Amino acid sequence: MERITVLDFGGQYNQLIARRVRECGVYAEVTPCTAGRDKVDKEGLMGVILTGGPNSAYAPGAPAVPDWLFELNIPILGICYGMQALAVKLGGKVGPGEAGEFGHCDIAYSAHPLFEGMKGEHVWMNHNDRVIVPPEGFKTIASSALCPVAAMADDKEKLYAVQFHPEVHHTPEGTALFKNFLFNVCGCEGGWSPSNLADDLVKAVREQVGDAPVIAALSGGVDSSVASVLVHRAVGDRLTCIFVDHGMLRQNEAKEVLDFYRDSLKMDVRFVDASERFLTKLAGVTDPEQKRKIIGTEFIRVFEEEAKKLGGADYLVQGTIYPDIIESGPGNAAVIKSHHNVGGLPKNVDFKGLVEPLRYLFKDEVRELGLSLGIPEHLVWRQPFPGPGLAVRIVGEITKEKLEIVRKSDYIFRTEVAAAGLDRAIWQYFTVYTGVRSVGVMGDARTYDSVVALRAVLSTDAMTVEVAELPYPLLRKISNRIINEVPGCNRVVYDITSKPPGTIEWE
């Protein structure tokens, strides 16, 4: 299989590079820049992309391009810090610019295979440093007003670099640049698709678990569902699915999940009511990272106990996907939040191993794989629901009263969005208990009750999101229903924050 390695220097857009490459039909993986040669030099390697990062390439101790990378004799594309690190490694000069460039920037391209078919309107810049003198053998192939060397190339050695970010949608011709690098420079043929992965993933699961019994953490969300169905195809009746009610589910969640997977797919699904256990552990806890770690630990303990009741299970299946890993801080990346199934896991786990067949797929790729496995479209397109459930939609301590406010308001929100025919148009939509109280007036009397926030976003992969512009009449109807029907709530607000800088969930 053709592959591109994205060598990660810690930039905020690095996962988007892998996404753009995959969208072009070539498989890509993000690998820390500290990884050894054996992690990069794998079968099918066609090229390497060096990512952006927060450091100055000329500073002592800054992450450097490894020497062995040039011994692979494959094309290399540096982006932002990747360009600067490449220049420093090969003897060029890098330093602070006269001024930083942040945001949209006009650019002029030279005629070059990397820019074939590109007009050079504008790009997205995000840097203070720049290449002042390119290394020997390089020529300048693009420039901007504040960055004379906005791109450089050594065609003989197949080394290329751009100062701007082609991976973000703010660079309109970014996909064209990646296609030129992949097909004109690296010689890729393309054709990779997540829908073609099922047989390979089934084979990998069988090789990992052998004849051992397996249990799966089934939440009913698309990730755990696709993972469970995939593993069920691999191991058959040696799989037992465990559905845990941790007390923080949406309204009717447990019934919907059990009805379909137990009754329709005929999978072995065991229901465990652990709500009091989880809520007791979370009592008094306000820090969101601590919440996630407690929930991650308790999930594992419940699965261990259920496995013992079944006579033992060697492996635990989780619906971990790529954004979970990225946001939990692998390699050089910052920890955005510890996902309960990655950074929230306890160090001591009573299983031989975790089975995570989706860990290198993005959300939209998981959906495509799910459809290829025969999972009904309405389940594949079910809106994402986090493993910690409503716990990450309550700011501050979790209580039964707050859960009821979120559960009831969320049900109203989802019902009205579906009635308006927007349930497929919006990626994710839910309510949040903000932890804020406000003065109101209801029935001619003063109230001092909770503020509920509505959150509705558009995305494809959960790594970046835009706010959904809901019609005002719909917002007004939802607000009126929540205030009238949910005790303890007297004000509704709409969260219009994109990601970045915010995350989708509040906690």
Protein backbone atom coordinates (compact mmCIF):
# COMPACT_ATOMS: atom_id res chain seq x y z
CA MET A 1 0.00 0.00 0.00
CA GLU A 2 1.25 3.48 -0.88
CA ARG A 3 1.86 5.60 2.18
CA ILE A 4 3.00 9.08 3.12
CA THR A 5 4.54 9.74 6.53
CA VAL A 6 3.71 13.09 8.11
CA LEU A 7 6.61 13.82 10.45
CA ASP A 8 5.11 15.77 13.35
CA PHE A 9 7.01 18.74 14.81
CA GLY A 10 4.13 19.77 17.10
CA GLY A 11 2.08 22.17 14.98
CA GLN A 12 -1.64 22.69 15.50
CA TYR A 13 -2.64 21.74 11.94
CA ASN A 14 -0.63 18.54 11.61
CA GLN A 15 -3.54 16.11 11.58
CA LEU A 16 -5.09 18.12 8.76
CA ILE A 17 -2.09 17.31 6.57
CA ALA A 18 -2.84 13.60 6.89
CA ARG A 19 -6.50 14.28 6.13
CA ARG A 20 -5.72 16.22 2.96
CA VAL A 21 -3.38 13.49 1.73
CA ARG A 22 -6.02 10.80 2.39
CA GLU A 23 -8.64 12.88 0.60
CA CYS A 24 -6.33 12.71 -2.44
CA GLY A 25 -6.51 8.89 -2.29
CA VAL A 26 -3.17 8.17 -0.63
CA TYR A 27 -2.85 6.73 2.90
CA ALA A 28 -1.00 8.94 5.39
CA GLU A 29 0.01 8.59 9.04
CA VAL A 30 1.26 11.19 11.52
CA THR A 31 4.49 10.11 13.24
CA PRO A 32 6.44 12.04 15.92
CA CYS A 33 9.62 13.69 14.63
CA THR A 34 11.49 11.81 17.35
CA ALA A 35 10.53 8.44 15.87
CA GLY A 36 13.27 6.15 14.65
CA ARG A 37 13.92 5.21 11.06
CA ASP A 38 12.06 1.91 11.47
CA LYS A 39 8.82 3.81 12.22
CA VAL A 40 9.06 5.75 8.96
CA ASP A 41 10.83 3.51 6.46
CA LYS A 42 7.95 1.09 5.92
CA GLU A 43 6.75 -0.78 2.88
CA GLY A 44 5.09 1.49 0.32
CA LEU A 45 6.65 4.73 1.60
CA MET A 46 6.39 7.27 -1.22
CA GLY A 47 7.26 10.52 0.51
CA VAL A 48 7.56 12.42 3.78
CA ILE A 49 5.92 15.69 4.82
CA LEU A 50 7.51 17.79 7.58
CA THR A 51 4.90 19.68 9.59
CA GLY A 52 4.72 23.04 11.27
CA GLY A 53 5.67 23.53 14.90
CA PRO A 54 5.95 26.16 17.66
CA ASN A 55 9.76 26.34 17.87
CA SER A 56 12.44 28.41 16.16
CA ALA A 57 14.46 26.03 13.99
CA TYR A 58 17.73 27.82 14.84
CA ALA A 59 17.19 27.76 18.63
CA PRO A 60 19.28 25.36 20.76
CA GLY A 61 17.43 22.10 21.32
CA ALA A 62 14.82 22.76 18.63
CA PRO A 63 13.43 19.59 16.97
CA ALA A 64 15.60 18.76 13.98
CA VAL A 65 15.14 16.82 10.75
CA PRO A 66 16.86 13.43 11.32
CA ASP A 67 19.96 12.72 9.21
CA TRP A 68 18.72 9.30 8.12
CA LEU A 69 15.70 10.84 6.41
CA PHE A 70 17.86 11.94 3.47
CA GLU A 71 19.23 8.42 3.10
CA LEU A 72 15.76 7.16 2.10
CA ASN A 73 16.00 8.93 -1.27
CA ILE A 74 12.33 9.85 -1.31
CA PRO A 75 10.64 13.22 -1.92
CA ILE A 76 10.29 15.49 1.11
CA LEU A 77 7.90 18.42 1.54
CA GLY A 78 8.45 20.83 4.43
CA ILE A 79 5.60 23.04 5.66
CA CYS A 80 6.18 26.19 7.79
CA TYR A 81 8.51 25.02 10.60
CA GLY A 82 9.21 21.98 8.42
CA MET A 83 10.59 24.33 5.77
CA GLN A 84 12.75 26.16 8.28
CA ALA A 85 14.02 22.94 9.89
CA LEU A 86 14.89 21.59 6.44
CA ALA A 87 16.79 24.79 5.62
CA VAL A 88 18.75 24.74 8.90
CA LYS A 89 19.65 21.05 8.47
CA LEU A 90 20.99 21.61 4.95
CA GLY A 91 23.01 24.76 5.67
CA GLY A 92 20.56 27.53 4.85
CA LYS A 93 19.91 30.58 7.01
CA VAL A 94 16.73 31.03 9.06
CA GLY A 95 15.85 34.00 11.25
CA PRO A 96 13.09 36.33 12.39
CA GLY A 97 11.28 38.21 9.65
CA GLU A 98 10.85 41.97 9.62
CA ALA A 99 7.30 41.26 10.72
CA GLY A 100 5.24 38.13 11.26
CA GLU A 101 2.65 36.95 8.77
CA PHE A 102 -0.59 35.64 10.21
CA GLY A 103 -3.72 34.91 8.23
CA HIS A 104 -4.46 35.48 4.55
CA CYS A 105 -1.53 36.53 2.44
CA ASP A 106 -1.11 37.19 -1.29
CA ILE A 107 1.54 35.03 -2.96
CA ALA A 108 3.28 34.79 -6.31
CA TYR A 109 4.30 31.36 -7.66
CA SER A 110 7.02 30.56 -10.19
CA ALA A 111 6.34 27.95 -12.88
CA HIS A 112 7.04 24.65 -11.10
CA PRO A 113 5.52 21.13 -10.96
CA LEU A 114 4.59 21.71 -7.30
CA PHE A 115 2.26 24.53 -8.38
CA GLU A 116 0.91 23.05 -11.61
CA GLY A 117 -2.54 24.43 -12.38
CA MET A 118 -2.42 26.85 -9.43
CA LYS A 119 -3.15 30.55 -9.91
CA GLY A 120 -1.51 31.86 -6.76
CA GLU A 121 -4.30 33.99 -5.33
CA HIS A 122 -3.71 33.84 -1.58
CA VAL A 123 -2.56 31.44 1.13
CA TRP A 124 -2.68 31.11 4.91
CA MET A 125 0.48 32.16 6.75
CA ASN A 126 1.26 31.61 10.44
CA HIS A 127 4.89 32.47 11.22
CA ASN A 128 7.42 34.88 12.72
CA ASP A 129 10.61 33.21 11.41
CA ARG A 130 11.43 32.69 7.75
CA VAL A 131 14.11 31.29 5.47
CA ILE A 132 16.51 34.13 4.71
CA VAL A 133 19.00 32.21 2.55
CA PRO A 134 17.97 28.84 1.02
CA PRO A 135 20.46 25.95 1.26
CA GLU A 136 22.81 25.26 -1.65
CA GLY A 137 21.01 23.58 -4.55
CA PHE A 138 17.62 25.18 -3.73
CA LYS A 139 15.86 27.82 -5.78
CA THR A 140 13.08 30.14 -4.67
CA ILE A 141 9.76 29.21 -6.31
CA ALA A 142 7.29 31.50 -4.47
CA SER A 143 7.34 34.79 -2.60
CA SER A 144 5.12 37.15 -0.65
CA ALA A 145 5.54 40.79 0.38
CA LEU A 146 7.06 39.92 3.76
CA CYS A 147 8.55 36.54 2.87
CA PRO A 148 10.83 36.62 -0.21
CA VAL A 149 11.42 32.87 0.13
CA ALA A 150 7.86 31.62 0.56
CA ALA A 151 8.68 28.30 -1.13
CA MET A 152 11.88 26.62 -2.29
CA ALA A 153 12.84 23.53 -4.24
CA ASP A 154 15.80 21.29 -4.96
CA ASP A 155 14.47 19.33 -7.93
CA LYS A 156 17.57 17.15 -8.20
CA GLU A 157 17.17 15.79 -4.65
CA LYS A 158 13.34 16.09 -4.72
CA LEU A 159 13.27 18.34 -1.68
CA TYR A 160 10.52 20.97 -1.45
CA ALA A 161 9.23 23.38 1.14
CA VAL A 162 6.54 26.03 1.56
CA GLN A 163 6.22 28.63 4.30
CA PHE A 164 2.42 28.74 4.11
CA HIS A 165 -0.14 26.12 5.22
CA PRO A 166 -1.74 24.27 2.27
CA GLU A 167 -3.58 21.93 4.67
CA VAL A 168 -6.06 24.53 6.00
CA HIS A 169 -9.16 25.48 4.04
CA HIS A 170 -8.04 29.13 4.17
CA THR A 171 -5.54 28.21 1.43
CA PRO A 172 -8.00 27.66 -1.46
CA GLU A 173 -5.55 25.80 -3.69
CA GLY A 174 -4.01 23.70 -0.92
CA THR A 175 -5.46 20.41 -2.15
CA ALA A 176 -4.02 21.07 -5.61
CA LEU A 177 -0.57 21.49 -4.07
CA PHE A 178 -0.85 18.17 -2.24
CA LYS A 179 -2.01 16.45 -5.42
CA ASN A 180 0.96 17.88 -7.29
CA PHE A 181 3.35 16.66 -4.62
CA LEU A 182 1.76 13.22 -4.40
CA PHE A 183 1.28 12.51 -8.10
CA ASN A 184 3.74 14.77 -9.96
CA VAL A 185 6.63 14.45 -7.52
CA CYS A 186 6.19 11.25 -5.47
CA GLY A 187 4.68 9.21 -8.31
CA CYS A 188 1.72 7.95 -6.28
CA GLU A 189 -1.15 6.24 -8.09
CA GLY A 190 -3.86 6.89 -5.47
CA GLY A 191 -7.01 4.85 -5.01
CA TRP A 192 -6.86 4.47 -1.22
CA SER A 193 -10.29 4.58 0.46
CA PRO A 194 -11.50 3.64 3.95
CA SER A 195 -14.29 1.56 2.38
CA ASN A 196 -11.62 -0.78 1.02
CA LEU A 197 -10.10 -1.40 4.46
CA ALA A 198 -12.60 -3.87 5.91
CA ASP A 199 -10.84 -7.09 4.83
CA ASP A 200 -7.42 -5.83 5.93
CA LEU A 201 -8.74 -4.69 9.31
CA VAL A 202 -10.56 -7.99 9.88
CA LYS A 203 -7.35 -9.84 9.07
CA ALA A 204 -5.36 -7.63 11.47
CA VAL A 205 -7.85 -8.27 14.29
CA ARG A 206 -7.65 -12.05 13.75
CA GLU A 207 -3.86 -11.90 13.83
CA GLN A 208 -3.90 -9.85 17.03
CA VAL A 209 -6.39 -11.85 19.10
CA GLY A 210 -5.93 -15.38 17.75
CA ASP A 211 -8.47 -17.71 19.36
CA ALA A 212 -8.87 -15.63 22.52
CA PRO A 213 -12.22 -14.38 23.88
CA VAL A 214 -12.88 -10.67 23.36
CA ILE A 215 -15.19 -8.09 24.90
CA ALA A 216 -16.16 -4.79 23.30
CA ALA A 217 -17.02 -1.46 24.87
CA LEU A 218 -20.23 -0.65 22.98
CA SER A 219 -21.69 2.80 23.59
CA GLY A 220 -23.95 2.98 20.55
CA GLY A 221 -21.95 5.80 19.01
CA VAL A 222 -20.69 5.35 15.46
CA ASP A 223 -17.08 4.65 16.52
CA SER A 224 -17.75 1.87 19.01
CA SER A 225 -20.48 0.47 16.76
CA VAL A 226 -18.26 0.19 13.69
CA ALA A 227 -15.43 -1.24 15.79
CA SER A 228 -17.73 -3.85 17.36
CA VAL A 229 -19.30 -4.91 14.05
CA LEU A 230 -15.84 -5.16 12.48
CA VAL A 231 -14.49 -7.32 15.31
CA HIS A 232 -17.68 -9.42 15.29
CA ARG A 233 -16.97 -10.16 11.64
CA ALA A 234 -13.45 -11.20 12.62
CA VAL A 235 -14.12 -13.39 15.68
CA GLY A 236 -17.85 -14.21 15.60
CA ASP A 237 -19.38 -15.47 18.84
CA ARG A 238 -16.09 -15.05 20.72
CA LEU A 239 -17.08 -11.38 21.01
CA THR A 240 -19.26 -10.14 23.86
CA CYS A 241 -20.32 -6.49 23.83
CA ILE A 242 -20.70 -4.63 27.11
CA PHE A 243 -23.02 -1.63 27.22
CA VAL A 244 -22.47 0.40 30.38
CA ASP A 245 -25.01 2.90 31.65
CA HIS A 246 -22.79 5.25 33.62
CA GLY A 247 -25.69 7.52 34.51
CA MET A 248 -24.71 10.18 31.98
CA LEU A 249 -26.52 8.94 28.88
CA ARG A 250 -28.95 10.92 26.76
CA GLN A 251 -32.66 10.32 27.10
CA ASN A 252 -33.68 6.87 25.74
CA GLU A 253 -30.05 6.12 24.80
CA ALA A 254 -29.84 2.67 26.42
CA LYS A 255 -33.09 1.39 24.89
CA GLU A 256 -32.17 2.55 21.37
CA VAL A 257 -28.75 0.88 21.50
CA LEU A 258 -29.96 -2.40 22.97
CA ASP A 259 -32.94 -2.64 20.63
CA PHE A 260 -30.77 -2.44 17.54
CA TYR A 261 -27.57 -4.31 18.38
CA ARG A 262 -29.14 -7.02 20.49
CA ASP A 263 -32.38 -7.50 18.58
CA SER A 264 -31.57 -6.47 15.00
CA LEU A 265 -27.92 -7.48 14.59
CA LYS A 266 -28.25 -10.45 17.01
CA MET A 267 -25.01 -9.50 18.73
CA ASP A 268 -24.32 -10.64 22.30
CA VAL A 269 -24.78 -7.39 24.24
CA ARG A 270 -24.70 -7.34 28.05
CA PHE A 271 -26.27 -4.34 29.84
CA VAL A 272 -24.59 -3.05 33.00
CA ASP A 273 -26.19 -0.37 35.16
CA ALA A 274 -23.22 1.31 36.85
CA SER A 275 -24.76 4.76 37.20
CA GLU A 276 -24.51 5.02 41.00
CA ARG A 277 -20.94 3.78 40.90
CA PHE A 278 -19.82 6.46 38.41
CA LEU A 279 -21.73 9.29 40.04
CA THR A 280 -20.29 8.41 43.45
CA LYS A 281 -16.74 8.48 42.06
CA LEU A 282 -17.41 11.86 40.40
CA ALA A 283 -18.97 13.50 43.46
CA GLY A 284 -17.25 16.79 44.24
CA VAL A 285 -14.98 16.65 41.17
CA THR A 286 -14.89 19.86 39.10
CA ASP A 287 -11.70 19.61 37.02
CA PRO A 288 -12.54 18.36 33.50
CA GLU A 289 -9.31 16.39 33.10
CA GLN A 290 -9.91 14.62 36.42
CA LYS A 291 -13.48 13.82 35.35
CA ARG A 292 -12.27 12.21 32.15
CA LYS A 293 -9.62 10.15 33.91
CA ILE A 294 -12.08 8.93 36.56
CA ILE A 295 -14.55 7.91 33.89
CA GLY A 296 -11.84 6.18 31.85
CA THR A 297 -10.64 4.25 34.89
CA GLU A 298 -14.14 3.18 35.96
CA PHE A 299 -15.02 2.02 32.46
CA ILE A 300 -11.98 -0.26 32.46
CA ARG A 301 -12.78 -1.60 35.94
CA VAL A 302 -16.36 -2.41 34.90
CA PHE A 303 -15.13 -4.17 31.76
CA GLU A 304 -12.61 -6.17 33.82
CA GLU A 305 -15.33 -7.27 36.23
CA GLU A 306 -17.71 -8.23 33.42
CA ALA A 307 -14.95 -10.17 31.69
CA LYS A 308 -14.42 -12.23 34.86
CA LYS A 309 -18.15 -12.99 35.01
CA LEU A 310 -17.89 -14.33 31.47
CA GLY A 311 -14.99 -16.59 32.44
CA GLY A 312 -12.32 -14.18 31.28
CA ALA A 313 -11.49 -12.16 28.17
CA ASP A 314 -8.03 -11.41 26.90
CA TYR A 315 -8.82 -8.38 24.77
CA LEU A 316 -10.93 -5.25 25.02
CA VAL A 317 -12.29 -3.58 21.87
CA GLN A 318 -12.52 0.22 21.87
CA GLY A 319 -13.80 2.62 19.24
CA THR A 320 -10.75 4.85 19.49
CA ILE A 321 -10.29 7.03 16.41
CA TYR A 322 -7.47 9.29 15.24
CA PRO A 323 -8.77 12.58 16.72
CA ASP A 324 -8.93 10.88 20.16
CA ILE A 325 -5.24 10.05 19.91
CA ILE A 326 -4.22 13.44 18.54
CA GLU A 327 -6.10 15.48 21.16
CA SER A 328 -4.78 13.26 23.97
CA GLY A 329 -1.28 14.47 23.17
CA PRO A 330 0.91 11.87 21.41
CA GLY A 331 4.51 12.61 20.53
CA ASN A 332 5.18 16.36 20.39
CA ALA A 333 1.56 17.45 20.42
CA ALA A 334 -0.01 19.26 23.35
CA VAL A 335 -2.69 17.53 25.41
CA ILE A 336 -5.94 19.28 24.48
CA LYS A 337 -8.04 16.92 26.58
CA SER A 338 -7.50 13.33 27.71
CA HIS A 339 -10.07 11.20 25.94
CA HIS A 340 -11.45 8.56 28.29
CA ASN A 341 -10.28 5.78 25.95
CA VAL A 342 -6.73 7.12 25.46
CA GLY A 343 -5.19 9.54 27.97
CA GLY A 344 -7.92 8.74 30.49
CA LEU A 345 -7.04 5.05 30.73
CA PRO A 346 -5.45 3.72 33.93
CA LYS A 347 -1.89 2.43 33.68
CA ASN A 348 -2.78 -1.01 35.04
CA VAL A 349 -5.27 -2.74 32.76
CA ASP A 350 -6.25 -6.38 33.29
CA PHE A 351 -6.27 -7.31 29.60
CA LYS A 352 -3.54 -8.67 27.36
CA GLY A 353 -4.25 -5.90 24.94
CA LEU A 354 -6.62 -3.34 23.49
CA VAL A 355 -8.15 -3.89 20.06
CA GLU A 356 -8.55 -0.52 18.36
CA PRO A 357 -9.09 -1.16 14.64
CA LEU A 358 -10.15 2.44 13.94
CA ARG A 359 -7.34 4.26 15.71
CA TYR A 360 -5.91 5.70 12.50
CA LEU A 361 -9.21 6.74 10.92
CA PHE A 362 -11.01 10.07 11.06
CA LYS A 363 -14.73 10.26 11.80
CA ASP A 364 -15.91 10.58 8.20
CA GLU A 365 -13.67 7.64 7.26
CA VAL A 366 -15.21 5.56 10.05
CA ARG A 367 -18.65 6.32 8.63
CA GLU A 368 -17.58 5.26 5.15
CA LEU A 369 -16.17 2.02 6.58
CA GLY A 370 -19.39 1.44 8.56
CA LEU A 371 -21.52 1.68 5.44
CA SER A 372 -19.24 -0.81 3.68
CA LEU A 373 -19.81 -3.20 6.62
CA GLY A 374 -23.57 -3.03 6.09
CA ILE A 375 -24.46 -0.91 9.12
CA PRO A 376 -27.68 1.01 8.34
CA GLU A 377 -27.19 4.61 7.23
CA HIS A 378 -29.29 6.10 10.04
CA LEU A 379 -26.95 4.53 12.61
CA VAL A 380 -23.77 5.40 10.77
CA TRP A 381 -24.91 9.01 10.61
CA ARG A 382 -26.06 9.15 14.22
CA GLN A 383 -24.60 12.31 15.68
CA PRO A 384 -21.43 11.77 17.74
CA PHE A 385 -21.85 11.22 21.46
CA PRO A 386 -18.74 11.27 23.68
CA GLY A 387 -17.87 8.25 25.83
CA PRO A 388 -18.00 10.31 29.05
CA GLY A 389 -21.51 11.29 27.99
CA LEU A 390 -23.18 14.27 29.60
CA ALA A 391 -20.27 14.57 32.04
CA VAL A 392 -18.41 16.73 29.52
CA ARG A 393 -21.50 18.88 29.04
CA ILE A 394 -21.74 19.93 32.67
CA VAL A 395 -19.34 22.62 33.85
CA GLY A 396 -18.37 21.94 37.45
CA GLU A 397 -19.51 19.15 39.75
CA ILE A 398 -21.84 16.52 38.30
CA THR A 399 -25.11 15.98 40.13
CA LYS A 400 -28.34 14.20 39.29
CA GLU A 401 -30.18 17.53 39.17
CA LYS A 402 -27.75 19.00 36.63
CA LEU A 403 -27.89 15.81 34.58
CA GLU A 404 -31.67 16.08 34.38
CA ILE A 405 -31.43 19.68 33.15
CA VAL A 406 -28.98 18.69 30.40
CA ARG A 407 -30.82 15.47 29.53
CA LYS A 408 -34.23 17.15 29.16
CA SER A 409 -32.93 20.24 27.35
CA ASP A 410 -30.82 18.10 25.02
CA TYR A 411 -33.84 15.97 24.13
CA ILE A 412 -35.85 19.08 23.27
CA PHE A 413 -33.00 20.46 21.16
CA ARG A 414 -32.53 17.20 19.24
CA THR A 415 -36.27 16.76 18.74
CA GLU A 416 -36.71 20.24 17.28
CA VAL A 417 -33.64 20.02 15.02
CA ALA A 418 -34.94 16.72 13.63
CA ALA A 419 -38.43 18.17 13.16
CA ALA A 420 -36.90 21.04 11.19
CA GLY A 421 -35.19 18.51 8.88
CA LEU A 422 -31.69 19.64 9.86
CA ASP A 423 -30.50 16.53 11.70
CA ARG A 424 -28.32 15.36 8.78
CA ALA A 425 -27.14 18.86 7.88
CA ILE A 426 -25.62 19.50 11.32
CA TRP A 427 -22.61 17.48 12.47
CA GLN A 428 -23.34 17.66 16.20
CA TYR A 429 -25.80 19.53 18.38
CA PHE A 430 -26.43 19.41 22.12
CA THR A 431 -26.97 21.47 25.26
CA VAL A 432 -24.55 22.41 28.02
CA TYR A 433 -25.06 23.13 31.71
CA THR A 434 -22.86 26.23 31.94
CA GLY A 435 -22.57 26.46 35.71
CA VAL A 436 -23.82 30.06 35.48
CA ARG A 437 -27.00 31.29 37.16
CA SER A 438 -28.91 34.37 36.11
CA VAL A 439 -31.79 36.51 37.30
CA GLY A 440 -35.06 36.10 35.44
CA VAL A 441 -38.75 36.73 35.81
CA MET A 442 -41.37 34.02 35.36
CA GLY A 443 -45.03 34.37 36.34
CA ASP A 444 -44.36 37.88 37.68
CA ALA A 445 -41.87 36.42 40.16
CA ARG A 446 -38.08 36.69 40.35
CA THR A 447 -36.06 33.60 39.45
CA TYR A 448 -32.39 32.86 39.89
CA ASP A 449 -31.76 29.72 37.85
CA SER A 450 -29.35 28.01 35.50
CA VAL A 451 -28.16 29.13 32.08
CA VAL A 452 -28.22 26.43 29.38
CA ALA A 453 -26.09 26.83 26.25
CA LEU A 454 -26.95 25.40 22.84
CA ARG A 455 -24.07 24.10 20.73
CA ALA A 456 -24.43 23.15 17.05
CA VAL A 457 -21.45 22.70 14.74
CA LEU A 458 -20.53 21.67 11.21
CA SER A 459 -17.55 19.39 10.53
CA THR A 460 -16.35 16.29 8.70
CA ASP A 461 -13.68 14.96 11.04
CA ALA A 462 -14.13 16.71 14.44
CA MET A 463 -10.68 18.29 14.18
CA THR A 464 -11.99 21.65 12.97
CA VAL A 465 -15.58 22.88 13.19
CA GLU A 466 -17.65 25.89 12.18
CA VAL A 467 -20.77 27.03 13.98
CA ALA A 468 -24.06 26.01 12.42
CA GLU A 469 -26.17 29.06 11.57
CA LEU A 470 -29.52 27.84 12.86
CA PRO A 471 -32.62 29.74 11.74
CA TYR A 472 -33.72 32.27 14.32
CA PRO A 473 -37.32 30.99 14.53
CA LEU A 474 -35.92 27.54 15.37
CA LEU A 475 -33.63 28.94 18.06
CA ARG A 476 -36.51 30.89 19.55
CA LYS A 477 -38.76 27.81 19.60
CA ILE A 478 -36.05 25.68 21.25
CA SER A 479 -35.33 28.38 23.84
CA ASN A 480 -39.03 28.75 24.70
CA ARG A 481 -39.50 25.01 25.10
CA ILE A 482 -36.45 24.58 27.31
CA ILE A 483 -37.38 27.45 29.62
CA ASN A 484 -41.01 26.28 29.83
CA GLU A 485 -40.36 22.55 30.16
CA VAL A 486 -37.05 22.18 32.03
CA PRO A 487 -37.23 23.03 35.74
CA GLY A 488 -34.25 25.00 37.00
CA CYS A 489 -33.48 26.78 33.71
CA ASN A 490 -34.43 30.40 33.02
CA ARG A 491 -32.06 31.44 30.24
CA VAL A 492 -30.76 29.92 26.98
CA VAL A 493 -27.70 31.14 25.04
CA TYR A 494 -26.12 30.01 21.75
CA ASP A 495 -22.40 29.14 21.59
CA ILE A 496 -20.92 30.57 18.35
CA THR A 497 -17.29 29.51 18.94
CA SER A 498 -15.48 27.63 16.17
CA LYS A 499 -12.74 25.01 16.67
CA PRO A 500 -10.07 26.22 17.06
CA PRO A 501 -9.99 28.15 19.34
CA GLY A 502 -12.69 26.22 21.21
CA THR A 503 -13.30 22.50 21.30
CA ILE A 504 -16.63 20.92 20.43
CA GLU A 505 -17.43 19.90 24.00
CA TRP A 506 -17.16 22.33 26.90
CA GLU A 507 -15.33 20.05 29.34
